[in-house]
């Protein structure tokens, strides 16, 4: 099977149109001879979350990395401070491109570059 690296900021359990597009790619590519490997961010504070979106992705390798995104920092802060806003409240949307350098660095760490990789598909937003 040929490997394909899917880089996506939004990926389940986050819920959005872009999330479902990349999740569907990951879910159905094996039927066409591709082995998807997903590179995304660790949990962020986001109003649209649906753990059900992870169904059918159990066999897919998913690597989650840190991000300097304000929503990731808010998520970490909310874990430590019980008085932080609830996840259902809207939060300021920061620039998502900041996650890309960390993602690319982690490609090397996890051996997702070089000979074993046939193709890379990225969705930044």
PDB file of N, CA and C in Angstrom:
ATOM      1  N   UNK A   1       0.842  -1.186   0.000  1.00  0.00           N
ATOM      2  CA  UNK A   1       0.000   0.000   0.000  1.00  0.00           C
ATOM      3  C   UNK A   1       0.886   1.249   0.000  1.00  0.00           C
ATOM      4  N   UNK A   2       0.501   2.240  -0.776  1.00  0.00           N
ATOM      5  CA  UNK A   2       1.228   3.501  -0.806  1.00  0.00           C
ATOM      6  C   UNK A   2       0.760   4.348   0.377  1.00  0.00           C
ATOM      7  N   UNK A   3       1.711   5.070   0.998  1.00  0.00           N
ATOM      8  CA  UNK A   3       1.362   5.938   2.125  1.00  0.00           C
ATOM      9  C   UNK A   3       1.024   7.331   1.633  1.00  0.00           C
ATOM     10  N   UNK A   4       0.036   7.926   2.296  1.00  0.00           N
ATOM     11  CA  UNK A   4      -0.306   9.322   2.037  1.00  0.00           C
ATOM     12  C   UNK A   4      -0.380  10.036   3.378  1.00  0.00           C
ATOM     13  N   UNK A   5       0.278  11.178   3.470  1.00  0.00           N
ATOM     14  CA  UNK A   5       0.270  11.979   4.685  1.00  0.00           C
ATOM     15  C   UNK A   5      -0.805  13.044   4.545  1.00  0.00           C
ATOM     16  N   UNK A   6      -1.756  13.062   5.472  1.00  0.00           N
ATOM     17  CA  UNK A   6      -2.815  14.071   5.499  1.00  0.00           C
ATOM     18  C   UNK A   6      -2.499  15.041   6.626  1.00  0.00           C
ATOM     19  N   UNK A   7      -2.225  16.287   6.299  1.00  0.00           N
ATOM     20  CA  UNK A   7      -1.952  17.317   7.305  1.00  0.00           C
ATOM     21  C   UNK A   7      -3.184  18.200   7.385  1.00  0.00           C
ATOM     22  N   UNK A   8      -3.793  18.242   8.556  1.00  0.00           N
ATOM     23  CA  UNK A   8      -5.023  19.011   8.702  1.00  0.00           C
ATOM     24  C   UNK A   8      -5.121  19.602  10.102  1.00  0.00           C
ATOM     25  N   UNK A   9      -5.373  20.898  10.178  1.00  0.00           N
ATOM     26  CA  UNK A   9      -5.573  21.527  11.482  1.00  0.00           C
ATOM     27  C   UNK A   9      -6.856  20.992  12.110  1.00  0.00           C
ATOM     28  N   UNK A  10      -7.928  21.004  11.355  1.00  0.00           N
ATOM     29  CA  UNK A  10      -9.211  20.518  11.861  1.00  0.00           C
ATOM     30  C   UNK A  10      -9.370  19.043  11.527  1.00  0.00           C
ATOM     31  N   UNK A  11      -9.498  18.227  12.554  1.00  0.00           N
ATOM     32  CA  UNK A  11      -9.684  16.788  12.384  1.00  0.00           C
ATOM     33  C   UNK A  11     -10.468  16.289  13.587  1.00  0.00           C
ATOM     34  N   UNK A  12     -11.287  15.260  13.428  1.00  0.00           N
ATOM     35  CA  UNK A  12     -12.074  14.763  14.558  1.00  0.00           C
ATOM     36  C   UNK A  12     -11.222  14.548  15.812  1.00  0.00           C
ATOM     37  N   UNK A  13     -11.787  14.864  16.962  1.00  0.00           N
ATOM     38  CA  UNK A  13     -13.204  15.051  17.264  1.00  0.00           C
ATOM     39  C   UNK A  13     -13.743  16.452  16.996  1.00  0.00           C
ATOM     40  N   UNK A  14     -12.934  17.371  16.425  1.00  0.00           N
ATOM     41  CA  UNK A  14     -13.486  18.668  16.054  1.00  0.00           C
ATOM     42  C   UNK A  14     -14.481  18.468  14.927  1.00  0.00           C
ATOM     43  N   UNK A  15     -15.519  19.272  14.918  1.00  0.00           N
ATOM     44  CA  UNK A  15     -16.536  19.122  13.891  1.00  0.00           C
ATOM     45  C   UNK A  15     -16.661  20.361  13.028  1.00  0.00           C
ATOM     46  N   UNK A  16     -16.467  20.215  11.746  1.00  0.00           N
ATOM     47  CA  UNK A  16     -16.634  21.274  10.742  1.00  0.00           C
ATOM     48  C   UNK A  16     -16.645  20.618   9.377  1.00  0.00           C
ATOM     49  N   UNK A  17     -16.968  21.367   8.348  1.00  0.00           N
ATOM     50  CA  UNK A  17     -16.941  20.816   6.997  1.00  0.00           C
ATOM     51  C   UNK A  17     -15.565  20.311   6.616  1.00  0.00           C
ATOM     52  N   UNK A  18     -14.543  21.106   6.881  1.00  0.00           N
ATOM     53  CA  UNK A  18     -13.176  20.699   6.562  1.00  0.00           C
ATOM     54  C   UNK A  18     -12.747  19.474   7.341  1.00  0.00           C
ATOM     55  N   UNK A  19     -13.230  19.354   8.555  1.00  0.00           N
ATOM     56  CA  UNK A  19     -12.920  18.191   9.383  1.00  0.00           C
ATOM     57  C   UNK A  19     -13.458  16.928   8.735  1.00  0.00           C
ATOM     58  N   UNK A  20     -14.683  16.981   8.316  1.00  0.00           N
ATOM     59  CA  UNK A  20     -15.313  15.789   7.750  1.00  0.00           C
ATOM     60  C   UNK A  20     -14.705  15.412   6.405  1.00  0.00           C
ATOM     61  N   UNK A  21     -14.237  16.407   5.659  1.00  0.00           N
ATOM     62  CA  UNK A  21     -13.605  16.119   4.372  1.00  0.00           C
ATOM     63  C   UNK A  21     -12.338  15.292   4.586  1.00  0.00           C
ATOM     64  N   UNK A  22     -11.469  15.740   5.492  1.00  0.00           N
ATOM     65  CA  UNK A  22     -10.216  15.024   5.737  1.00  0.00           C
ATOM     66  C   UNK A  22     -10.474  13.673   6.407  1.00  0.00           C
ATOM     67  N   UNK A  23     -11.454  13.617   7.300  1.00  0.00           N
ATOM     68  CA  UNK A  23     -11.788  12.344   7.952  1.00  0.00           C
ATOM     69  C   UNK A  23     -12.298  11.338   6.919  1.00  0.00           C
ATOM     70  N   UNK A  24     -13.076  11.809   5.965  1.00  0.00           N
ATOM     71  CA  UNK A  24     -13.578  10.914   4.916  1.00  0.00           C
ATOM     72  C   UNK A  24     -12.446  10.419   4.028  1.00  0.00           C
ATOM     73  N   UNK A  25     -11.513  11.309   3.702  1.00  0.00           N
ATOM     74  CA  UNK A  25     -10.339  10.868   2.951  1.00  0.00           C
ATOM     75  C   UNK A  25      -9.650   9.738   3.703  1.00  0.00           C
ATOM     76  N   UNK A  26      -9.374   9.971   4.991  1.00  0.00           N
ATOM     77  CA  UNK A  26      -8.661   8.972   5.801  1.00  0.00           C
ATOM     78  C   UNK A  26      -9.449   7.668   5.892  1.00  0.00           C
ATOM     79  N   UNK A  27     -10.741   7.770   6.005  1.00  0.00           N
ATOM     80  CA  UNK A  27     -11.596   6.590   6.171  1.00  0.00           C
ATOM     81  C   UNK A  27     -11.651   5.734   4.898  1.00  0.00           C
ATOM     82  N   UNK A  28     -11.705   6.366   3.728  1.00  0.00           N
ATOM     83  CA  UNK A  28     -11.951   5.619   2.491  1.00  0.00           C
ATOM     84  C   UNK A  28     -10.728   5.375   1.612  1.00  0.00           C
ATOM     85  N   UNK A  29      -9.625   6.066   1.849  1.00  0.00           N
ATOM     86  CA  UNK A  29      -8.437   5.863   1.020  1.00  0.00           C
ATOM     87  C   UNK A  29      -7.921   4.420   1.025  1.00  0.00           C
ATOM     88  N   UNK A  30      -7.987   3.688   2.163  1.00  0.00           N
ATOM     89  CA  UNK A  30      -7.500   2.301   2.136  1.00  0.00           C
ATOM     90  C   UNK A  30      -8.207   1.425   1.092  1.00  0.00           C
ATOM     91  N   UNK A  31      -9.448   1.730   0.774  1.00  0.00           N
ATOM     92  CA  UNK A  31     -10.176   0.955  -0.239  1.00  0.00           C
ATOM     93  C   UNK A  31      -9.563   1.111  -1.634  1.00  0.00           C
ATOM     94  N   UNK A  32      -8.749   2.166  -1.792  1.00  0.00           N
ATOM     95  CA  UNK A  32      -8.142   2.447  -3.091  1.00  0.00           C
ATOM     96  C   UNK A  32      -6.628   2.233  -3.072  1.00  0.00           C
ATOM     97  N   UNK A  33      -6.149   1.502  -2.058  1.00  0.00           N
ATOM     98  CA  UNK A  33      -4.740   1.153  -2.007  1.00  0.00           C
ATOM     99  C   UNK A  33      -3.821   2.174  -1.362  1.00  0.00           C
ATOM    100  N   UNK A  34      -4.384   3.113  -0.617  1.00  0.00           N
ATOM    101  CA  UNK A  34      -3.579   4.128   0.064  1.00  0.00           C
ATOM    102  C   UNK A  34      -3.672   3.929   1.573  1.00  0.00           C
ATOM    103  N   UNK A  35      -2.544   4.070   2.249  1.00  0.00           N
ATOM    104  CA  UNK A  35      -2.506   3.988   3.709  1.00  0.00           C
ATOM    105  C   UNK A  35      -2.351   5.407   4.255  1.00  0.00           C
ATOM    106  N   UNK A  36      -3.430   5.998   4.786  1.00  0.00           N
ATOM    107  CA  UNK A  36      -3.338   7.366   5.292  1.00  0.00           C
ATOM    108  C   UNK A  36      -2.661   7.441   6.658  1.00  0.00           C
ATOM    109  N   UNK A  37      -1.885   8.498   6.827  1.00  0.00           N
ATOM    110  CA  UNK A  37      -1.286   8.855   8.106  1.00  0.00           C
ATOM    111  C   UNK A  37      -1.687  10.309   8.325  1.00  0.00           C
ATOM    112  N   UNK A  38      -2.312  10.603   9.470  1.00  0.00           N
ATOM    113  CA  UNK A  38      -2.838  11.944   9.727  1.00  0.00           C
ATOM    114  C   UNK A  38      -1.945  12.678  10.716  1.00  0.00           C
ATOM    115  N   UNK A  39      -1.653  13.929  10.384  1.00  0.00           N
ATOM    116  CA  UNK A  39      -0.902  14.812  11.266  1.00  0.00           C
ATOM    117  C   UNK A  39      -1.791  16.006  11.561  1.00  0.00           C
ATOM    118  N   UNK A  40      -2.133  16.200  12.837  1.00  0.00           N
ATOM    119  CA  UNK A  40      -3.052  17.262  13.232  1.00  0.00           C
ATOM    120  C   UNK A  40      -2.611  17.822  14.581  1.00  0.00           C
ATOM    121  N   UNK A  41      -3.387  18.737  15.140  1.00  0.00           N
ATOM    122  CA  UNK A  41      -3.032  19.349  16.418  1.00  0.00           C
ATOM    123  C   UNK A  41      -3.707  18.623  17.580  1.00  0.00           C
ATOM    124  N   UNK A  42      -3.138  18.820  18.753  1.00  0.00           N
ATOM    125  CA  UNK A  42      -3.757  18.297  19.976  1.00  0.00           C
ATOM    126  C   UNK A  42      -5.040  19.081  20.237  1.00  0.00           C
ATOM    127  N   UNK A  43      -5.881  18.612  21.167  1.00  0.00           N
ATOM    128  CA  UNK A  43      -7.178  19.265  21.394  1.00  0.00           C
ATOM    129  C   UNK A  43      -7.076  20.773  21.617  1.00  0.00           C
ATOM    130  N   UNK A  44      -8.019  21.487  21.013  1.00  0.00           N
ATOM    131  CA  UNK A  44      -8.128  22.929  21.194  1.00  0.00           C
ATOM    132  C   UNK A  44      -9.500  23.237  21.775  1.00  0.00           C
ATOM    133  N   UNK A  45      -9.680  24.447  22.256  1.00  0.00           N
ATOM    134  CA  UNK A  45     -10.961  24.898  22.784  1.00  0.00           C
ATOM    135  C   UNK A  45     -11.806  25.290  21.577  1.00  0.00           C
ATOM    136  N   UNK A  46     -12.802  24.513  21.283  1.00  0.00           N
ATOM    137  CA  UNK A  46     -13.581  24.752  20.073  1.00  0.00           C
ATOM    138  C   UNK A  46     -15.024  24.342  20.309  1.00  0.00           C
ATOM    139  N   UNK A  47     -15.956  25.122  19.800  1.00  0.00           N
ATOM    140  CA  UNK A  47     -17.373  24.894  20.094  1.00  0.00           C
ATOM    141  C   UNK A  47     -17.948  23.665  19.399  1.00  0.00           C
ATOM    142  N   UNK A  48     -17.387  23.275  18.267  1.00  0.00           N
ATOM    143  CA  UNK A  48     -17.935  22.129  17.527  1.00  0.00           C
ATOM    144  C   UNK A  48     -17.069  20.898  17.772  1.00  0.00           C
ATOM    145  N   UNK A  49     -17.541  19.999  18.620  1.00  0.00           N
ATOM    146  CA  UNK A  49     -16.818  18.766  18.930  1.00  0.00           C
ATOM    147  C   UNK A  49     -17.803  17.605  18.835  1.00  0.00           C
ATOM    148  N   UNK A  50     -17.351  16.527  18.216  1.00  0.00           N
ATOM    149  CA  UNK A  50     -18.207  15.354  18.089  1.00  0.00           C
ATOM    150  C   UNK A  50     -17.342  14.099  18.054  1.00  0.00           C
ATOM    151  N   UNK A  51     -17.192  13.413  19.198  1.00  0.00           N
ATOM    152  CA  UNK A  51     -16.381  12.195  19.245  1.00  0.00           C
ATOM    153  C   UNK A  51     -16.863  11.113  18.280  1.00  0.00           C
ATOM    154  N   UNK A  52     -18.132  11.171  17.869  1.00  0.00           N
ATOM    155  CA  UNK A  52     -18.664  10.184  16.922  1.00  0.00           C
ATOM    156  C   UNK A  52     -17.938  10.243  15.573  1.00  0.00           C
ATOM    157  N   UNK A  53     -17.350  11.394  15.260  1.00  0.00           N
ATOM    158  CA  UNK A  53     -16.641  11.537  13.987  1.00  0.00           C
ATOM    159  C   UNK A  53     -15.392  10.660  13.917  1.00  0.00           C
ATOM    160  N   UNK A  54     -14.937  10.169  15.072  1.00  0.00           N
ATOM    161  CA  UNK A  54     -13.756   9.294  15.099  1.00  0.00           C
ATOM    162  C   UNK A  54     -14.092   7.852  14.716  1.00  0.00           C
ATOM    163  N   UNK A  55     -15.384   7.536  14.650  1.00  0.00           N
ATOM    164  CA  UNK A  55     -15.770   6.165  14.279  1.00  0.00           C
ATOM    165  C   UNK A  55     -15.301   5.856  12.861  1.00  0.00           C
ATOM    166  N   UNK A  56     -14.748   4.684  12.688  1.00  0.00           N
ATOM    167  CA  UNK A  56     -14.229   4.275  11.390  1.00  0.00           C
ATOM    168  C   UNK A  56     -12.796   4.696  11.147  1.00  0.00           C
ATOM    169  N   UNK A  57     -12.210   5.418  12.118  1.00  0.00           N
ATOM    170  CA  UNK A  57     -10.826   5.874  11.975  1.00  0.00           C
ATOM    171  C   UNK A  57      -9.891   5.161  12.952  1.00  0.00           C
ATOM    172  N   UNK A  58     -10.374   4.107  13.600  1.00  0.00           N
ATOM    173  CA  UNK A  58      -9.607   3.439  14.649  1.00  0.00           C
ATOM    174  C   UNK A  58      -8.289   2.850  14.140  1.00  0.00           C
ATOM    175  N   UNK A  59      -8.246   2.419  12.888  1.00  0.00           N
ATOM    176  CA  UNK A  59      -7.042   1.780  12.348  1.00  0.00           C
ATOM    177  C   UNK A  59      -6.086   2.773  11.686  1.00  0.00           C
ATOM    178  N   UNK A  60      -6.459   4.037  11.666  1.00  0.00           N
ATOM    179  CA  UNK A  60      -5.646   5.066  11.021  1.00  0.00           C
ATOM    180  C   UNK A  60      -4.635   5.615  12.026  1.00  0.00           C
ATOM    181  N   UNK A  61      -3.381   5.774  11.594  1.00  0.00           N
ATOM    182  CA  UNK A  61      -2.374   6.399  12.450  1.00  0.00           C
ATOM    183  C   UNK A  61      -2.668   7.893  12.492  1.00  0.00           C
ATOM    184  N   UNK A  62      -2.874   8.423  13.710  1.00  0.00           N
ATOM    185  CA  UNK A  62      -3.133   9.849  13.886  1.00  0.00           C
ATOM    186  C   UNK A  62      -2.101  10.392  14.861  1.00  0.00           C
ATOM    187  N   UNK A  63      -1.301  11.351  14.407  1.00  0.00           N
ATOM    188  CA  UNK A  63      -0.316  12.009  15.254  1.00  0.00           C
ATOM    189  C   UNK A  63      -0.845  13.395  15.583  1.00  0.00           C
ATOM    190  N   UNK A  64      -0.894  13.698  16.890  1.00  0.00           N
ATOM    191  CA  UNK A  64      -1.388  15.001  17.345  1.00  0.00           C
ATOM    192  C   UNK A  64      -0.233  15.753  17.995  1.00  0.00           C
ATOM    193  N   UNK A  65       0.005  16.980  17.530  1.00  0.00           N
ATOM    194  CA  UNK A  65       1.137  17.764  18.008  1.00  0.00           C
ATOM    195  C   UNK A  65       0.671  19.037  18.705  1.00  0.00           C
ATOM    196  N   UNK A  66       1.579  19.637  19.450  1.00  0.00           N
ATOM    197  CA  UNK A  66       1.289  20.902  20.127  1.00  0.00           C
ATOM    198  C   UNK A  66       1.107  22.011  19.099  1.00  0.00           C
ATOM    199  N   UNK A  67       0.468  23.075  19.529  1.00  0.00           N
ATOM    200  CA  UNK A  67       0.223  24.226  18.669  1.00  0.00           C
ATOM    201  C   UNK A  67       0.297  25.481  19.527  1.00  0.00           C
ATOM    202  N   UNK A  68       0.750  26.565  18.948  1.00  0.00           N
ATOM    203  CA  UNK A  68       0.764  27.846  19.663  1.00  0.00           C
ATOM    204  C   UNK A  68      -0.522  28.626  19.389  1.00  0.00           C
ATOM    205  N   UNK A  69      -1.497  27.964  18.872  1.00  0.00           N
ATOM    206  CA  UNK A  69      -2.788  28.565  18.580  1.00  0.00           C
ATOM    207  C   UNK A  69      -3.419  29.066  19.880  1.00  0.00           C
ATOM    208  N   UNK A  70      -4.016  30.257  19.872  1.00  0.00           N
ATOM    209  CA  UNK A  70      -4.692  30.754  21.072  1.00  0.00           C
ATOM    210  C   UNK A  70      -5.759  29.795  21.599  1.00  0.00           C
ATOM    211  N   UNK A  71      -6.412  29.042  20.702  1.00  0.00           N
ATOM    212  CA  UNK A  71      -7.439  28.100  21.149  1.00  0.00           C
ATOM    213  C   UNK A  71      -6.821  26.897  21.858  1.00  0.00           C
ATOM    214  N   UNK A  72      -5.610  26.496  21.474  1.00  0.00           N
ATOM    215  CA  UNK A  72      -4.905  25.412  22.180  1.00  0.00           C
ATOM    216  C   UNK A  72      -4.486  25.908  23.559  1.00  0.00           C
ATOM    217  N   UNK A  73      -3.969  27.130  23.619  1.00  0.00           N
ATOM    218  CA  UNK A  73      -3.553  27.695  24.904  1.00  0.00           C
ATOM    219  C   UNK A  73      -4.761  27.849  25.832  1.00  0.00           C
ATOM    220  N   UNK A  74      -5.902  28.264  25.289  1.00  0.00           N
ATOM    221  CA  UNK A  74      -7.120  28.386  26.098  1.00  0.00           C
ATOM    222  C   UNK A  74      -7.570  27.024  26.609  1.00  0.00           C
ATOM    223  N   UNK A  75      -7.441  25.996  25.791  1.00  0.00           N
ATOM    224  CA  UNK A  75      -7.797  24.632  26.203  1.00  0.00           C
ATOM    225  C   UNK A  75      -6.929  24.197  27.377  1.00  0.00           C
ATOM    226  N   UNK A  76      -5.621  24.450  27.272  1.00  0.00           N
ATOM    227  CA  UNK A  76      -4.695  24.065  28.344  1.00  0.00           C
ATOM    228  C   UNK A  76      -4.993  24.845  29.621  1.00  0.00           C
ATOM    229  N   UNK A  77      -5.296  26.128  29.478  1.00  0.00           N
ATOM    230  CA  UNK A  77      -5.607  26.962  30.634  1.00  0.00           C
ATOM    231  C   UNK A  77      -6.892  26.487  31.309  1.00  0.00           C
ATOM    232  N   UNK A  78      -7.890  26.131  30.526  1.00  0.00           N
ATOM    233  CA  UNK A  78      -9.169  25.668  31.075  1.00  0.00           C
ATOM    234  C   UNK A  78      -8.994  24.373  31.863  1.00  0.00           C
ATOM    235  N   UNK A  79      -8.015  23.555  31.488  1.00  0.00           N
ATOM    236  CA  UNK A  79      -7.745  22.322  32.236  1.00  0.00           C
ATOM    237  C   UNK A  79      -7.224  22.635  33.637  1.00  0.00           C
ATOM    238  N   UNK A  80      -6.519  23.746  33.744  1.00  0.00           N
ATOM    239  CA  UNK A  80      -5.886  24.094  35.022  1.00  0.00           C
ATOM    240  C   UNK A  80      -6.738  25.017  35.894  1.00  0.00           C
ATOM    241  N   UNK A  81      -7.568  25.845  35.259  1.00  0.00           N
ATOM    242  CA  UNK A  81      -8.372  26.810  36.003  1.00  0.00           C
ATOM    243  C   UNK A  81      -9.857  26.483  35.884  1.00  0.00           C
ATOM    244  N   UNK A  82     -10.493  26.102  36.970  1.00  0.00           N
ATOM    245  CA  UNK A  82     -11.914  25.751  36.897  1.00  0.00           C
ATOM    246  C   UNK A  82     -12.808  26.937  36.542  1.00  0.00           C
ATOM    247  N   UNK A  83     -12.304  28.160  36.683  1.00  0.00           N
ATOM    248  CA  UNK A  83     -13.128  29.335  36.390  1.00  0.00           C
ATOM    249  C   UNK A  83     -13.025  29.778  34.936  1.00  0.00           C
ATOM    250  N   UNK A  84     -12.222  29.101  34.140  1.00  0.00           N
ATOM    251  CA  UNK A  84     -12.082  29.478  32.724  1.00  0.00           C
ATOM    252  C   UNK A  84     -13.404  29.257  31.997  1.00  0.00           C
ATOM    253  N   UNK A  85     -13.581  29.946  30.881  1.00  0.00           N
ATOM    254  CA  UNK A  85     -14.820  29.834  30.108  1.00  0.00           C
ATOM    255  C   UNK A  85     -15.129  28.392  29.749  1.00  0.00           C
ATOM    256  N   UNK A  86     -16.399  28.120  29.594  1.00  0.00           N
ATOM    257  CA  UNK A  86     -16.782  26.780  29.153  1.00  0.00           C
ATOM    258  C   UNK A  86     -16.439  26.629  27.676  1.00  0.00           C
ATOM    259  N   UNK A  87     -16.321  25.418  27.233  1.00  0.00           N
ATOM    260  CA  UNK A  87     -15.953  25.143  25.848  1.00  0.00           C
ATOM    261  C   UNK A  87     -17.050  25.546  24.879  1.00  0.00           C
ATOM    262  N   UNK A  88     -18.261  25.676  25.361  1.00  0.00           N
ATOM    263  CA  UNK A  88     -19.373  26.027  24.486  1.00  0.00           C
ATOM    264  C   UNK A  88     -19.413  27.511  24.147  1.00  0.00           C
ATOM    265  N   UNK A  89     -18.693  28.331  24.929  1.00  0.00           N
ATOM    266  CA  UNK A  89     -18.686  29.755  24.654  1.00  0.00           C
ATOM    267  C   UNK A  89     -17.768  30.050  23.481  1.00  0.00           C
ATOM    268  N   UNK A  90     -18.124  31.023  22.660  1.00  0.00           N
ATOM    269  CA  UNK A  90     -17.258  31.340  21.528  1.00  0.00           C
ATOM    270  C   UNK A  90     -15.910  31.865  22.001  1.00  0.00           C
ATOM    271  N   UNK A  91     -14.873  31.517  21.278  1.00  0.00           N
ATOM    272  CA  UNK A  91     -13.530  31.985  21.588  1.00  0.00           C
ATOM    273  C   UNK A  91     -12.974  32.697  20.366  1.00  0.00           C
ATOM    274  N   UNK A  92     -12.020  33.588  20.605  1.00  0.00           N
ATOM    275  CA  UNK A  92     -11.392  34.305  19.500  1.00  0.00           C
ATOM    276  C   UNK A  92     -10.662  33.319  18.598  1.00  0.00           C
ATOM    277  N   UNK A  93     -10.827  33.502  17.325  1.00  0.00           N
ATOM    278  CA  UNK A  93     -10.200  32.598  16.362  1.00  0.00           C
ATOM    279  C   UNK A  93      -8.847  33.162  15.951  1.00  0.00           C
ATOM    280  N   UNK A  94      -7.772  32.503  16.344  1.00  0.00           N
ATOM    281  CA  UNK A  94      -6.426  32.948  15.991  1.00  0.00           C
ATOM    282  C   UNK A  94      -6.018  32.424  14.633  1.00  0.00           C
ATOM    283  N   UNK A  95      -4.850  32.832  14.189  1.00  0.00           N
ATOM    284  CA  UNK A  95      -4.325  32.354  12.911  1.00  0.00           C
ATOM    285  C   UNK A  95      -3.924  30.890  13.014  1.00  0.00           C
ATOM    286  N   UNK A  96      -4.402  30.062  12.118  1.00  0.00           N
ATOM    287  CA  UNK A  96      -4.152  28.614  12.190  1.00  0.00           C
ATOM    288  C   UNK A  96      -2.851  28.207  11.523  1.00  0.00           C
ATOM    289  N   UNK A  97      -2.268  29.105  10.733  1.00  0.00           N
ATOM    290  CA  UNK A  97      -1.066  28.741  10.002  1.00  0.00           C
ATOM    291  C   UNK A  97       0.098  28.465  10.956  1.00  0.00           C
ATOM    292  N   UNK A  98       0.026  28.956  12.188  1.00  0.00           N
ATOM    293  CA  UNK A  98       1.097  28.759  13.159  1.00  0.00           C
ATOM    294  C   UNK A  98       1.371  27.307  13.500  1.00  0.00           C
ATOM    295  N   UNK A  99       0.450  26.424  13.234  1.00  0.00           N
ATOM    296  CA  UNK A  99       0.662  25.020  13.564  1.00  0.00           C
ATOM    297  C   UNK A  99       1.537  24.314  12.545  1.00  0.00           C
ATOM    298  N   UNK A 100       1.669  24.876  11.355  1.00  0.00           N
ATOM    299  CA  UNK A 100       2.351  24.170  10.273  1.00  0.00           C
ATOM    300  C   UNK A 100       3.835  23.890  10.530  1.00  0.00           C
ATOM    301  N   UNK A 101       4.641  24.850  11.015  1.00  0.00           N
ATOM    302  CA  UNK A 101       6.052  24.516  11.272  1.00  0.00           C
ATOM    303  C   UNK A 101       6.213  23.349  12.247  1.00  0.00           C
ATOM    304  N   UNK A 102       5.409  23.322  13.298  1.00  0.00           N
ATOM    305  CA  UNK A 102       5.481  22.219  14.269  1.00  0.00           C
ATOM    306  C   UNK A 102       5.077  20.910  13.601  1.00  0.00           C
ATOM    307  N   UNK A 103       4.055  20.968  12.761  1.00  0.00           N
ATOM    308  CA  UNK A 103       3.605  19.763  12.063  1.00  0.00           C
ATOM    309  C   UNK A 103       4.711  19.216  11.168  1.00  0.00           C
ATOM    310  N   UNK A 104       5.358  20.087  10.419  1.00  0.00           N
ATOM    311  CA  UNK A 104       6.416  19.644   9.512  1.00  0.00           C
ATOM    312  C   UNK A 104       7.592  19.067  10.287  1.00  0.00           C
ATOM    313  N   UNK A 105       7.916  19.671  11.430  1.00  0.00           N
ATOM    314  CA  UNK A 105       8.983  19.140  12.284  1.00  0.00           C
ATOM    315  C   UNK A 105       8.614  17.733  12.754  1.00  0.00           C
ATOM    316  N   UNK A 106       7.375  17.526  13.102  1.00  0.00           N
ATOM    317  CA  UNK A 106       6.935  16.217  13.583  1.00  0.00           C
ATOM    318  C   UNK A 106       6.887  15.171  12.477  1.00  0.00           C
ATOM    319  N   UNK A 107       6.795  15.602  11.233  1.00  0.00           N
ATOM    320  CA  UNK A 107       6.885  14.648  10.118  1.00  0.00           C
ATOM    321  C   UNK A 107       8.222  13.929  10.184  1.00  0.00           C
ATOM    322  N   UNK A 108       9.277  14.675  10.468  1.00  0.00           N
ATOM    323  CA  UNK A 108      10.612  14.075  10.559  1.00  0.00           C
ATOM    324  C   UNK A 108      10.719  13.189  11.794  1.00  0.00           C
ATOM    325  N   UNK A 109      10.190  13.647  12.913  1.00  0.00           N
ATOM    326  CA  UNK A 109      10.257  12.886  14.165  1.00  0.00           C
ATOM    327  C   UNK A 109       9.587  11.527  14.014  1.00  0.00           C
ATOM    328  N   UNK A 110       8.453  11.490  13.356  1.00  0.00           N
ATOM    329  CA  UNK A 110       7.692  10.246  13.210  1.00  0.00           C
ATOM    330  C   UNK A 110       8.061   9.464  11.945  1.00  0.00           C
ATOM    331  N   UNK A 111       9.095   9.925  11.248  1.00  0.00           N
ATOM    332  CA  UNK A 111       9.534   9.207  10.053  1.00  0.00           C
ATOM    333  C   UNK A 111       8.538   9.265   8.913  1.00  0.00           C
ATOM    334  N   UNK A 112       7.823  10.375   8.802  1.00  0.00           N
ATOM    335  CA  UNK A 112       6.786  10.491   7.779  1.00  0.00           C
ATOM    336  C   UNK A 112       7.290  11.192   6.524  1.00  0.00           C
ATOM    337  N   UNK A 113       8.595  11.225   6.340  1.00  0.00           N
ATOM    338  CA  UNK A 113       9.160  11.822   5.136  1.00  0.00           C
ATOM    339  C   UNK A 113      10.060  10.806   4.462  1.00  0.00           C
ATOM    340  N   UNK A 114      10.411  11.079   3.246  1.00  0.00           N
ATOM    341  CA  UNK A 114      11.369  10.212   2.568  1.00  0.00           C
ATOM    342  C   UNK A 114      10.734   9.102   1.766  1.00  0.00           C
ATOM    343  N   UNK A 115      11.403   7.970   1.736  1.00  0.00           N
ATOM    344  CA  UNK A 115      11.046   6.869   0.842  1.00  0.00           C
ATOM    345  C   UNK A 115       9.652   6.289   1.062  1.00  0.00           C
ATOM    346  N   UNK A 116       9.207   6.174   2.299  1.00  0.00           N
ATOM    347  CA  UNK A 116       7.941   5.491   2.560  1.00  0.00           C
ATOM    348  C   UNK A 116       6.710   6.287   2.184  1.00  0.00           C
ATOM    349  N   UNK A 117       6.881   7.568   1.888  1.00  0.00           N
ATOM    350  CA  UNK A 117       5.739   8.443   1.639  1.00  0.00           C
ATOM    351  C   UNK A 117       5.558   8.658   0.142  1.00  0.00           C
ATOM    352  N   UNK A 118       4.367   8.389  -0.355  1.00  0.00           N
ATOM    353  CA  UNK A 118       4.094   8.543  -1.782  1.00  0.00           C
ATOM    354  C   UNK A 118       3.465   9.887  -2.118  1.00  0.00           C
ATOM    355  N   UNK A 119       2.723  10.462  -1.163  1.00  0.00           N
ATOM    356  CA  UNK A 119       1.958  11.660  -1.466  1.00  0.00           C
ATOM    357  C   UNK A 119       1.630  12.378  -0.170  1.00  0.00           C
ATOM    358  N   UNK A 120       1.437  13.689  -0.246  1.00  0.00           N
ATOM    359  CA  UNK A 120       1.059  14.482   0.928  1.00  0.00           C
ATOM    360  C   UNK A 120      -0.088  15.405   0.532  1.00  0.00           C
ATOM    361  N   UNK A 121      -1.117  15.458   1.359  1.00  0.00           N
ATOM    362  CA  UNK A 121      -2.267  16.327   1.139  1.00  0.00           C
ATOM    363  C   UNK A 121      -2.454  17.156   2.398  1.00  0.00           C
ATOM    364  N   UNK A 122      -2.463  18.487   2.254  1.00  0.00           N
ATOM    365  CA  UNK A 122      -2.572  19.353   3.428  1.00  0.00           C
ATOM    366  C   UNK A 122      -3.789  20.252   3.325  1.00  0.00           C
ATOM    367  N   UNK A 123      -4.437  20.439   4.457  1.00  0.00           N
ATOM    368  CA  UNK A 123      -5.545  21.372   4.582  1.00  0.00           C
ATOM    369  C   UNK A 123      -5.261  22.210   5.811  1.00  0.00           C
ATOM    370  N   UNK A 124      -4.843  23.443   5.605  1.00  0.00           N
ATOM    371  CA  UNK A 124      -4.441  24.288   6.729  1.00  0.00           C
ATOM    372  C   UNK A 124      -5.646  24.802   7.483  1.00  0.00           C
ATOM    373  N   UNK A 125      -6.719  25.149   6.784  1.00  0.00           N
ATOM    374  CA  UNK A 125      -7.880  25.719   7.457  1.00  0.00           C
ATOM    375  C   UNK A 125      -9.059  24.799   7.357  1.00  0.00           C
TER     376      UNK A 125
END
